[in-house]
């Protein structure tokens, strides 16, 4: 994966609340070692995990690096594509992947955004209908295949 792809993946996780502010200094250090550099990223890498200001510096670094402000629904789409690839590569189980997507949609409060409903439905129903687990896992895998090939 390229450094730019890593930056986008981090931005997606940031927008979805999957990255803690205390982790941003080490993330900045990693990005710098990959050759991605900005004034705010250098400053962020110098912070300790407990210092305030990391979120603002990270947002400023994204701006300096030319990253467009990412809407939560766009971040959800990128995240669904990433999790789908993980499901299909058998790095995560179908139900765990669907649950991760479901939690992300809840975090951003994506009311009216229904693109990920098949994952959400399968994850929620599988909990209350354990006898149909295989059916839901197959449905999740089918949806993951669709998302893997999706144009974003």
N, C-alpha and C. Protein backbone atom coordinates (compact mmCIF):
# COMPACT_ATOMS: atom_id res chain seq x y z
N UNK A 1 0.85 -1.17 0.00
CA UNK A 1 0.00 0.00 0.00
C UNK A 1 0.90 1.24 0.00
N UNK A 2 0.55 2.22 -0.78
CA UNK A 2 1.34 3.44 -0.87
C UNK A 2 1.11 4.31 0.36
N UNK A 3 2.04 5.25 0.57
CA UNK A 3 1.91 6.16 1.70
C UNK A 3 0.64 6.99 1.59
N UNK A 4 0.29 7.40 0.37
CA UNK A 4 -0.94 8.17 0.17
C UNK A 4 -2.17 7.35 0.52
N UNK A 5 -2.14 6.07 0.17
CA UNK A 5 -3.25 5.18 0.51
C UNK A 5 -3.34 5.01 2.03
N UNK A 6 -2.17 4.91 2.69
CA UNK A 6 -2.16 4.83 4.15
C UNK A 6 -2.78 6.07 4.76
N UNK A 7 -2.43 7.24 4.22
CA UNK A 7 -2.98 8.50 4.73
C UNK A 7 -4.50 8.53 4.58
N UNK A 8 -4.99 8.09 3.42
CA UNK A 8 -6.44 8.08 3.20
C UNK A 8 -7.12 7.10 4.17
N UNK A 9 -6.51 5.93 4.37
CA UNK A 9 -7.08 4.95 5.30
C UNK A 9 -7.13 5.50 6.72
N UNK A 10 -6.10 6.25 7.11
CA UNK A 10 -6.08 6.86 8.44
C UNK A 10 -7.15 7.93 8.52
N UNK A 11 -7.28 8.73 7.46
CA UNK A 11 -8.32 9.76 7.45
C UNK A 11 -9.71 9.14 7.58
N UNK A 12 -9.94 8.05 6.87
CA UNK A 12 -11.23 7.34 6.96
C UNK A 12 -11.49 6.92 8.40
N UNK A 13 -10.50 6.27 9.00
CA UNK A 13 -10.67 5.80 10.38
C UNK A 13 -10.85 6.96 11.35
N UNK A 14 -10.19 8.09 11.09
CA UNK A 14 -10.34 9.28 11.93
C UNK A 14 -11.76 9.80 11.86
N UNK A 15 -12.28 9.94 10.66
CA UNK A 15 -13.64 10.46 10.47
C UNK A 15 -14.66 9.56 11.15
N UNK A 16 -14.40 8.26 11.16
CA UNK A 16 -15.33 7.29 11.75
C UNK A 16 -15.11 7.09 13.25
N UNK A 17 -14.19 7.83 13.82
CA UNK A 17 -13.96 7.72 15.26
C UNK A 17 -13.21 6.46 15.67
N UNK A 18 -12.50 5.87 14.73
CA UNK A 18 -11.79 4.62 15.01
C UNK A 18 -10.32 4.86 15.37
N UNK A 19 -9.92 6.13 15.38
CA UNK A 19 -8.57 6.52 15.78
C UNK A 19 -8.70 7.47 16.95
N UNK A 20 -7.97 7.20 18.00
CA UNK A 20 -7.98 8.04 19.19
C UNK A 20 -6.98 9.19 19.02
N UNK A 21 -7.30 10.33 19.60
CA UNK A 21 -6.39 11.46 19.56
C UNK A 21 -5.03 11.14 20.16
N UNK A 22 -5.01 10.26 21.16
CA UNK A 22 -3.73 9.92 21.80
C UNK A 22 -2.83 9.08 20.87
N UNK A 23 -3.41 8.48 19.83
CA UNK A 23 -2.62 7.69 18.88
C UNK A 23 -2.07 8.52 17.73
N UNK A 24 -2.53 9.75 17.61
CA UNK A 24 -2.13 10.58 16.47
C UNK A 24 -0.63 10.89 16.41
N UNK A 25 0.05 11.16 17.55
CA UNK A 25 1.50 11.41 17.43
C UNK A 25 2.27 10.23 16.82
N UNK A 26 1.95 9.02 17.22
CA UNK A 26 2.67 7.87 16.64
C UNK A 26 2.27 7.65 15.19
N UNK A 27 1.02 7.93 14.85
CA UNK A 27 0.59 7.85 13.45
C UNK A 27 1.35 8.87 12.61
N UNK A 28 1.51 10.09 13.16
CA UNK A 28 2.25 11.12 12.45
C UNK A 28 3.70 10.68 12.22
N UNK A 29 4.30 10.08 13.22
CA UNK A 29 5.68 9.58 13.09
C UNK A 29 5.77 8.55 11.96
N UNK A 30 4.82 7.64 11.92
CA UNK A 30 4.80 6.62 10.87
C UNK A 30 4.67 7.25 9.49
N UNK A 31 3.76 8.21 9.37
CA UNK A 31 3.59 8.89 8.08
C UNK A 31 4.87 9.62 7.65
N UNK A 32 5.53 10.25 8.60
CA UNK A 32 6.78 10.95 8.29
C UNK A 32 7.84 9.97 7.79
N UNK A 33 7.92 8.79 8.40
CA UNK A 33 8.90 7.79 7.95
C UNK A 33 8.56 7.26 6.57
N UNK A 34 7.29 7.40 6.16
CA UNK A 34 6.87 6.98 4.82
C UNK A 34 7.06 8.09 3.79
N UNK A 35 7.56 9.23 4.23
CA UNK A 35 7.83 10.31 3.30
C UNK A 35 6.72 11.33 3.15
N UNK A 36 5.69 11.22 3.95
CA UNK A 36 4.60 12.21 3.94
C UNK A 36 4.95 13.25 4.99
N UNK A 37 5.03 14.51 4.56
CA UNK A 37 5.48 15.54 5.49
C UNK A 37 4.72 16.84 5.32
N UNK A 38 4.41 17.45 6.45
CA UNK A 38 3.86 18.80 6.49
C UNK A 38 4.29 19.40 7.82
N UNK A 39 4.18 20.70 7.93
CA UNK A 39 4.57 21.41 9.15
C UNK A 39 3.81 20.87 10.36
N UNK A 40 2.51 20.75 10.22
CA UNK A 40 1.68 20.28 11.35
C UNK A 40 1.93 18.82 11.67
N UNK A 41 2.25 18.01 10.66
CA UNK A 41 2.52 16.60 10.91
C UNK A 41 3.81 16.45 11.72
N UNK A 42 4.83 17.27 11.40
CA UNK A 42 6.08 17.24 12.17
C UNK A 42 5.80 17.66 13.62
N UNK A 43 5.02 18.71 13.79
CA UNK A 43 4.68 19.17 15.14
C UNK A 43 3.89 18.11 15.90
N UNK A 44 2.96 17.47 15.22
CA UNK A 44 2.15 16.41 15.83
C UNK A 44 3.02 15.24 16.27
N UNK A 45 3.98 14.86 15.46
CA UNK A 45 4.86 13.74 15.80
C UNK A 45 5.67 14.03 17.06
N UNK A 46 5.88 15.31 17.36
CA UNK A 46 6.65 15.69 18.54
C UNK A 46 5.84 15.73 19.83
N UNK A 47 4.54 15.58 19.73
CA UNK A 47 3.69 15.59 20.94
C UNK A 47 3.77 14.26 21.67
N UNK A 48 3.54 14.32 22.97
CA UNK A 48 3.39 13.07 23.72
C UNK A 48 1.94 12.62 23.60
N UNK A 49 1.66 11.40 23.99
CA UNK A 49 0.30 10.85 23.89
C UNK A 49 -0.70 11.62 24.77
N UNK A 50 -0.20 12.30 25.79
CA UNK A 50 -1.10 12.96 26.73
C UNK A 50 -1.26 14.45 26.48
N UNK A 51 -0.48 15.02 25.55
CA UNK A 51 -0.59 16.45 25.28
C UNK A 51 -1.85 16.76 24.48
N UNK A 52 -2.40 17.92 24.80
CA UNK A 52 -3.60 18.38 24.08
C UNK A 52 -3.19 18.93 22.71
N UNK A 53 -4.15 19.02 21.84
CA UNK A 53 -3.93 19.64 20.54
C UNK A 53 -3.72 18.69 19.39
N UNK A 54 -3.58 17.41 19.66
CA UNK A 54 -3.32 16.46 18.59
C UNK A 54 -4.42 16.45 17.53
N UNK A 55 -5.69 16.41 17.91
CA UNK A 55 -6.73 16.39 16.87
C UNK A 55 -6.68 17.61 15.94
N UNK A 56 -6.48 18.79 16.53
CA UNK A 56 -6.42 20.00 15.69
C UNK A 56 -5.21 19.97 14.77
N UNK A 57 -4.06 19.52 15.28
CA UNK A 57 -2.88 19.41 14.44
C UNK A 57 -3.07 18.39 13.32
N UNK A 58 -3.74 17.30 13.63
CA UNK A 58 -3.99 16.29 12.59
C UNK A 58 -4.89 16.85 11.51
N UNK A 59 -5.94 17.53 11.90
CA UNK A 59 -6.84 18.16 10.91
C UNK A 59 -6.08 19.16 10.06
N UNK A 60 -5.20 19.95 10.69
CA UNK A 60 -4.41 20.93 9.95
C UNK A 60 -3.44 20.21 9.00
N UNK A 61 -2.84 19.13 9.45
CA UNK A 61 -1.94 18.35 8.60
C UNK A 61 -2.68 17.81 7.38
N UNK A 62 -3.88 17.30 7.58
CA UNK A 62 -4.67 16.81 6.44
C UNK A 62 -4.89 17.93 5.43
N UNK A 63 -5.21 19.11 5.94
CA UNK A 63 -5.41 20.27 5.06
C UNK A 63 -4.12 20.62 4.31
N UNK A 64 -3.00 20.68 5.03
CA UNK A 64 -1.72 21.00 4.42
C UNK A 64 -1.32 19.98 3.35
N UNK A 65 -1.71 18.74 3.56
CA UNK A 65 -1.36 17.68 2.62
C UNK A 65 -2.34 17.57 1.46
N UNK A 66 -3.31 18.47 1.42
CA UNK A 66 -4.25 18.51 0.30
C UNK A 66 -5.39 17.52 0.39
N UNK A 67 -5.59 16.96 1.56
CA UNK A 67 -6.71 16.03 1.72
C UNK A 67 -8.02 16.82 1.78
N UNK A 68 -8.97 16.39 1.01
CA UNK A 68 -10.28 17.03 1.00
C UNK A 68 -11.04 16.60 2.25
N UNK A 69 -11.80 17.52 2.82
CA UNK A 69 -12.62 17.17 3.98
C UNK A 69 -13.53 16.00 3.58
N UNK A 70 -13.47 14.95 4.37
CA UNK A 70 -14.22 13.74 4.04
C UNK A 70 -15.52 13.71 4.84
N UNK A 71 -16.62 13.58 4.14
CA UNK A 71 -17.92 13.44 4.78
C UNK A 71 -18.03 12.05 5.40
N UNK A 72 -18.77 11.92 6.49
CA UNK A 72 -18.91 10.61 7.12
C UNK A 72 -19.42 9.51 6.18
N UNK A 73 -20.35 9.83 5.29
CA UNK A 73 -20.86 8.79 4.39
C UNK A 73 -19.77 8.33 3.41
N UNK A 74 -18.92 9.26 2.98
CA UNK A 74 -17.82 8.87 2.10
C UNK A 74 -16.84 7.98 2.86
N UNK A 75 -16.55 8.34 4.10
CA UNK A 75 -15.66 7.52 4.93
C UNK A 75 -16.25 6.14 5.14
N UNK A 76 -17.56 6.06 5.35
CA UNK A 76 -18.22 4.76 5.52
C UNK A 76 -18.06 3.90 4.28
N UNK A 77 -18.18 4.49 3.11
CA UNK A 77 -18.02 3.72 1.87
C UNK A 77 -16.61 3.16 1.74
N UNK A 78 -15.61 3.99 2.03
CA UNK A 78 -14.22 3.52 1.97
C UNK A 78 -13.98 2.42 3.00
N UNK A 79 -14.54 2.61 4.18
CA UNK A 79 -14.37 1.63 5.24
C UNK A 79 -15.04 0.31 4.86
N UNK A 80 -16.23 0.38 4.29
CA UNK A 80 -16.93 -0.83 3.86
C UNK A 80 -16.12 -1.59 2.81
N UNK A 81 -15.49 -0.86 1.92
CA UNK A 81 -14.67 -1.50 0.89
C UNK A 81 -13.46 -2.19 1.52
N UNK A 82 -12.83 -1.53 2.50
CA UNK A 82 -11.67 -2.10 3.19
C UNK A 82 -12.07 -3.33 4.00
N UNK A 83 -13.15 -3.22 4.75
CA UNK A 83 -13.61 -4.35 5.56
C UNK A 83 -14.05 -5.50 4.65
N UNK A 84 -14.68 -5.18 3.54
CA UNK A 84 -15.09 -6.22 2.59
C UNK A 84 -13.88 -6.99 2.07
N UNK A 85 -12.81 -6.28 1.74
CA UNK A 85 -11.59 -6.96 1.29
C UNK A 85 -11.05 -7.87 2.39
N UNK A 86 -11.13 -7.41 3.63
CA UNK A 86 -10.67 -8.20 4.77
C UNK A 86 -11.52 -9.46 4.96
N UNK A 87 -12.83 -9.32 4.76
CA UNK A 87 -13.73 -10.47 4.84
C UNK A 87 -13.39 -11.48 3.76
N UNK A 88 -13.24 -11.00 2.53
CA UNK A 88 -12.99 -11.90 1.41
C UNK A 88 -11.61 -12.55 1.47
N UNK A 89 -10.66 -11.88 2.12
CA UNK A 89 -9.32 -12.46 2.31
C UNK A 89 -9.28 -13.37 3.54
N UNK A 90 -10.41 -13.50 4.20
CA UNK A 90 -10.55 -14.32 5.41
C UNK A 90 -9.66 -13.83 6.55
N UNK A 91 -9.40 -12.52 6.57
CA UNK A 91 -8.66 -11.90 7.67
C UNK A 91 -9.59 -11.58 8.83
N UNK A 92 -10.86 -11.46 8.53
CA UNK A 92 -11.89 -11.25 9.55
C UNK A 92 -13.11 -12.07 9.16
N UNK A 93 -13.86 -12.52 10.14
CA UNK A 93 -15.05 -13.33 9.82
C UNK A 93 -16.13 -12.42 9.23
N UNK A 94 -17.03 -12.99 8.44
CA UNK A 94 -18.10 -12.18 7.87
C UNK A 94 -18.91 -11.43 8.94
N UNK A 95 -19.27 -12.10 10.02
CA UNK A 95 -20.07 -11.44 11.05
C UNK A 95 -19.28 -10.36 11.78
N UNK A 96 -18.01 -10.61 12.07
CA UNK A 96 -17.21 -9.57 12.72
C UNK A 96 -17.05 -8.36 11.80
N UNK A 97 -16.83 -8.60 10.53
CA UNK A 97 -16.72 -7.49 9.58
C UNK A 97 -18.01 -6.69 9.48
N UNK A 98 -19.13 -7.39 9.41
CA UNK A 98 -20.42 -6.70 9.34
C UNK A 98 -20.69 -5.91 10.61
N UNK A 99 -20.29 -6.47 11.75
CA UNK A 99 -20.46 -5.74 13.02
C UNK A 99 -19.59 -4.48 13.05
N UNK A 100 -18.38 -4.57 12.52
CA UNK A 100 -17.50 -3.39 12.47
C UNK A 100 -18.16 -2.29 11.62
N UNK A 101 -18.71 -2.66 10.50
CA UNK A 101 -19.38 -1.69 9.63
C UNK A 101 -20.59 -1.11 10.35
N UNK A 102 -21.36 -1.96 11.00
CA UNK A 102 -22.55 -1.52 11.74
C UNK A 102 -22.16 -0.49 12.81
N UNK A 103 -21.12 -0.80 13.61
CA UNK A 103 -20.68 0.13 14.66
C UNK A 103 -20.24 1.47 14.06
N UNK A 104 -19.57 1.43 12.93
CA UNK A 104 -19.13 2.68 12.30
C UNK A 104 -20.32 3.51 11.86
N UNK A 105 -21.36 2.87 11.33
CA UNK A 105 -22.55 3.63 10.92
C UNK A 105 -23.23 4.25 12.12
N UNK A 106 -23.24 3.54 13.24
CA UNK A 106 -23.84 4.08 14.46
C UNK A 106 -23.04 5.27 14.98
N UNK A 107 -21.71 5.17 14.92
CA UNK A 107 -20.86 6.24 15.43
C UNK A 107 -21.10 7.56 14.69
N UNK A 108 -21.20 7.50 13.37
CA UNK A 108 -21.35 8.74 12.61
C UNK A 108 -22.81 9.17 12.50
N UNK A 109 -23.73 8.34 12.96
CA UNK A 109 -25.14 8.71 12.91
C UNK A 109 -25.61 8.95 11.49
N UNK A 110 -25.32 8.02 10.63
CA UNK A 110 -25.62 8.17 9.20
C UNK A 110 -27.09 7.90 8.90
N UNK A 111 -27.94 8.71 9.48
CA UNK A 111 -29.38 8.56 9.26
C UNK A 111 -29.70 8.89 7.80
N UNK A 112 -30.50 8.05 7.19
CA UNK A 112 -30.86 8.26 5.80
C UNK A 112 -29.84 7.69 4.81
N UNK A 113 -28.73 7.16 5.30
CA UNK A 113 -27.71 6.54 4.46
C UNK A 113 -27.91 5.03 4.55
N UNK A 114 -28.37 4.44 3.45
CA UNK A 114 -28.77 3.03 3.49
C UNK A 114 -27.88 2.10 2.67
N UNK A 115 -26.78 2.60 2.15
CA UNK A 115 -25.91 1.78 1.31
C UNK A 115 -25.37 0.56 2.04
N UNK A 116 -25.21 0.66 3.34
CA UNK A 116 -24.61 -0.43 4.11
C UNK A 116 -25.64 -1.27 4.87
N UNK A 117 -26.91 -1.03 4.59
CA UNK A 117 -27.97 -1.76 5.28
C UNK A 117 -27.85 -3.28 5.20
N UNK A 118 -27.41 -3.85 4.06
CA UNK A 118 -27.29 -5.32 4.05
C UNK A 118 -26.33 -5.84 5.12
N UNK A 119 -25.22 -5.13 5.36
CA UNK A 119 -24.30 -5.54 6.43
C UNK A 119 -24.96 -5.38 7.79
N UNK A 120 -25.60 -4.23 7.99
CA UNK A 120 -26.24 -3.93 9.28
C UNK A 120 -27.34 -4.95 9.58
N UNK A 121 -28.17 -5.22 8.59
CA UNK A 121 -29.27 -6.17 8.77
C UNK A 121 -28.73 -7.56 9.12
N UNK A 122 -27.74 -8.02 8.35
CA UNK A 122 -27.20 -9.36 8.59
C UNK A 122 -26.57 -9.46 9.98
N UNK A 123 -25.82 -8.43 10.37
CA UNK A 123 -25.17 -8.46 11.69
C UNK A 123 -26.20 -8.45 12.81
N UNK A 124 -27.24 -7.62 12.67
CA UNK A 124 -28.24 -7.53 13.74
C UNK A 124 -29.10 -8.79 13.81
N UNK A 125 -29.50 -9.29 12.67
CA UNK A 125 -30.36 -10.49 12.66
C UNK A 125 -29.62 -11.75 13.08
N UNK A 126 -28.34 -11.82 12.76
CA UNK A 126 -27.57 -13.01 13.13
C UNK A 126 -27.49 -13.16 14.65
N UNK A 127 -27.53 -12.04 15.35
CA UNK A 127 -27.50 -12.11 16.82
C UNK A 127 -28.79 -12.70 17.38
N UNK A 128 -29.90 -12.37 16.77
CA UNK A 128 -31.18 -12.84 17.30
C UNK A 128 -31.64 -14.14 16.64
N UNK A 129 -30.98 -14.55 15.56
CA UNK A 129 -31.35 -15.79 14.87
C UNK A 129 -30.12 -16.66 14.63
N UNK A 130 -29.52 -17.17 15.68
CA UNK A 130 -28.28 -17.94 15.53
C UNK A 130 -28.45 -19.18 14.65
N UNK A 131 -29.66 -19.70 14.55
CA UNK A 131 -29.88 -20.88 13.71
C UNK A 131 -29.70 -20.54 12.22
N UNK A 132 -29.75 -19.26 11.87
CA UNK A 132 -29.59 -18.83 10.48
C UNK A 132 -28.23 -18.19 10.21
N UNK A 133 -27.28 -18.46 11.07
CA UNK A 133 -25.95 -17.84 10.96
C UNK A 133 -25.32 -18.05 9.59
N UNK A 134 -25.37 -19.26 9.06
CA UNK A 134 -24.76 -19.54 7.75
C UNK A 134 -25.41 -18.71 6.65
N UNK A 135 -26.71 -18.57 6.70
CA UNK A 135 -27.42 -17.75 5.72
C UNK A 135 -26.91 -16.31 5.77
N UNK A 136 -26.77 -15.76 6.96
CA UNK A 136 -26.31 -14.38 7.09
C UNK A 136 -24.84 -14.23 6.69
N UNK A 137 -24.03 -15.23 7.00
CA UNK A 137 -22.62 -15.17 6.59
C UNK A 137 -22.50 -15.18 5.07
N UNK A 138 -23.30 -16.00 4.40
CA UNK A 138 -23.28 -16.02 2.92
C UNK A 138 -23.74 -14.67 2.37
N UNK A 139 -24.76 -14.09 2.97
CA UNK A 139 -25.25 -12.78 2.52
C UNK A 139 -24.18 -11.70 2.71
N UNK A 140 -23.45 -11.77 3.80
CA UNK A 140 -22.38 -10.80 4.06
C UNK A 140 -21.26 -10.97 3.04
N UNK A 141 -20.90 -12.20 2.75
CA UNK A 141 -19.86 -12.45 1.75
C UNK A 141 -20.29 -11.94 0.38
N UNK A 142 -21.53 -12.17 0.01
CA UNK A 142 -22.04 -11.65 -1.27
C UNK A 142 -21.98 -10.13 -1.31
N UNK A 143 -22.36 -9.49 -0.21
CA UNK A 143 -22.32 -8.03 -0.14
C UNK A 143 -20.88 -7.54 -0.17
N UNK A 144 -19.99 -8.26 0.49
CA UNK A 144 -18.57 -7.88 0.48
C UNK A 144 -18.01 -7.96 -0.94
N UNK A 145 -18.42 -8.95 -1.70
CA UNK A 145 -17.97 -9.04 -3.11
C UNK A 145 -18.44 -7.83 -3.90
N UNK A 146 -19.67 -7.42 -3.65
CA UNK A 146 -20.21 -6.24 -4.34
C UNK A 146 -19.41 -4.99 -3.97
N UNK A 147 -19.10 -4.84 -2.68
CA UNK A 147 -18.36 -3.68 -2.24
C UNK A 147 -16.91 -3.68 -2.69
N UNK A 148 -16.30 -4.86 -2.78
CA UNK A 148 -14.91 -4.93 -3.24
C UNK A 148 -14.76 -4.31 -4.61
N UNK A 149 -15.75 -4.52 -5.48
CA UNK A 149 -15.67 -3.99 -6.83
C UNK A 149 -16.31 -2.62 -7.00
N UNK A 150 -16.80 -2.04 -5.92
CA UNK A 150 -17.52 -0.77 -6.02
C UNK A 150 -16.60 0.39 -6.38
N UNK A 151 -17.07 1.24 -7.25
CA UNK A 151 -16.37 2.49 -7.57
C UNK A 151 -16.76 3.52 -6.52
N UNK A 152 -15.77 4.18 -5.95
CA UNK A 152 -16.07 5.19 -4.93
C UNK A 152 -15.81 6.58 -5.48
